[in-house]
Protein backbone atom coordinates (compact mmCIF):
# COMPACT_ATOMS: atom_id res chain seq x y z
CA MET A 1 -8.40 -12.27 13.21
CA ALA A 2 -11.44 -15.01 14.91
CA ASP A 3 -13.29 -11.95 16.83
CA ASN A 4 -13.35 -8.54 14.94
CA GLN A 5 -14.91 -6.54 17.25
CA ALA A 6 -13.04 -7.44 20.21
CA PHE A 7 -9.62 -6.38 17.52
CA TYR A 8 -10.86 -2.86 17.47
CA GLN A 9 -12.09 -2.99 20.38
CA GLU A 10 -8.50 -3.48 22.29
CA VAL A 11 -7.28 -0.64 19.51
CA GLY A 12 -10.02 1.12 20.50
CA ARG A 13 -8.60 1.15 24.09
CA ARG A 14 -4.47 1.27 23.02
CA ILE A 15 -5.65 4.64 21.39
CA ARG A 16 -7.57 5.97 24.22
CA ASP A 17 -4.65 4.95 26.60
CA ALA A 18 -1.78 6.81 24.46
CA ARG A 19 -4.02 10.05 23.91
CA LYS A 20 -4.61 10.19 27.83
CA LYS A 21 -0.97 10.19 27.94
CA GLY A 22 -0.43 12.67 25.93
CA HIS A 23 -2.69 14.71 27.76
CA LEU A 24 -5.32 14.96 24.71
CA THR A 25 -8.43 14.89 24.44
CA GLN A 26 -10.83 13.35 21.78
CA GLU A 27 -11.63 16.99 20.61
CA ALA A 28 -7.79 17.69 19.79
CA LEU A 29 -7.32 14.69 18.62
CA ALA A 30 -10.34 14.81 16.23
CA THR A 31 -8.52 18.08 14.74
CA LYS A 32 -5.30 17.26 14.73
CA ILE A 33 -6.23 14.47 12.07
CA SER A 34 -9.19 16.23 10.82
CA LEU A 35 -11.85 13.63 11.69
CA THR A 36 -15.30 15.26 14.10
CA ARG A 37 -14.39 13.86 17.37
CA THR A 38 -17.58 11.10 17.61
CA THR A 39 -15.58 9.71 14.77
CA VAL A 40 -12.87 9.77 17.55
CA THR A 41 -14.81 8.36 20.69
CA ASN A 42 -16.44 5.31 17.93
CA ILE A 43 -12.51 4.18 17.41
CA GLU A 44 -12.39 4.31 20.53
CA LYS A 45 -15.04 2.14 21.85
CA GLY A 46 -14.53 0.18 19.36
CA ARG A 47 -17.86 0.67 17.64
CA GLN A 48 -15.96 1.82 14.81
CA GLN A 49 -13.46 0.02 12.30
CA LEU A 50 -10.03 2.36 11.48
CA LEU A 51 -8.43 2.57 7.14
CA VAL A 52 -4.55 1.60 8.07
CA HIS A 53 -4.05 4.75 6.92
CA THR A 54 -5.76 6.35 9.82
CA LEU A 55 -4.23 4.54 11.67
CA ILE A 56 -1.00 6.07 10.94
CA GLU A 57 -2.51 9.00 11.01
CA ILE A 58 -3.49 8.89 14.72
CA ALA A 59 -0.42 6.58 15.87
CA ASP A 60 1.63 10.55 14.62
CA ALA A 61 -0.53 12.66 16.31
CA LEU A 62 -0.08 11.02 19.44
CA SER A 63 3.76 10.59 18.94
CA VAL A 64 3.46 6.20 18.66
CA ALA A 65 4.53 3.83 17.24
CA PRO A 66 1.69 2.21 14.59
CA GLU A 67 2.17 -1.18 16.12
CA SER A 68 2.06 -0.38 19.90
CA LEU A 69 -2.02 0.62 18.88
CA LEU A 70 -2.31 -2.81 17.34
CA PRO A 71 -3.27 -5.56 19.19
CA GLU A 72 0.13 -8.63 20.07
CA ARG A 73 -1.04 -11.38 18.00
CA GLN A 74 -0.79 -14.76 19.44
CA SER A 75 0.62 -17.74 18.35
CA PRO A 76 -0.70 -21.16 18.85
CA SER A 77 1.29 -23.34 21.23
CA ILE A 78 2.54 -26.04 20.33
CA ASP A 79 -0.90 -28.07 23.16
CA LYS A 80 -2.79 -26.85 20.70
CA LEU A 81 -1.47 -27.53 17.04
CA LEU A 82 -0.43 -30.81 18.85
CA THR A 83 -3.98 -31.27 19.39
CA ALA A 84 -4.88 -31.04 15.61
CA GLU A 85 -7.82 -32.92 14.09
CA SER A 86 -5.56 -34.87 11.45
CA PRO A 87 -3.19 -36.91 12.02
CA TYR A 88 -1.17 -36.30 9.30
CA THR A 89 -0.84 -32.64 11.23
CA GLN A 90 -0.24 -34.42 13.92
CA GLU A 91 2.88 -36.80 12.84
CA TRP A 92 4.66 -32.91 11.68
CA ILE A 93 4.51 -31.21 14.44
CA ARG A 94 5.79 -33.69 16.41
CA ARG A 95 8.69 -34.60 13.36
CA ILE A 96 9.06 -30.74 13.60
CA VAL A 97 9.59 -30.83 17.59
CA ASP A 98 11.56 -33.65 17.63
CA MET A 99 14.20 -32.09 15.68
CA ALA A 100 14.33 -29.23 17.16
CA ASP A 101 14.96 -30.51 20.42
CA ARG A 102 17.79 -32.63 19.17
CA ASP A 103 19.99 -29.20 18.30
């Protein structure tokens, strides 16, 4: 992802929102997953990156799906792709779009 800081801030926000929705304190969540409250704070603020197994443990503790804690990926729009610098890329995109329009 291009902006890792924004990614981890969003993950942290989603964790915080799920924790609050589950009526858990940071301390209670930390105890459930064997972390410190400070670590949970840092994760929620996006200051600390987390490993996949930690994300899964957090999701389990919050009774949510792990993917619900991840930001949605944005696919590039066709307009953005068409403004790609390479004429070769532009030509192939046009062909694909034309083929899709025929169906």
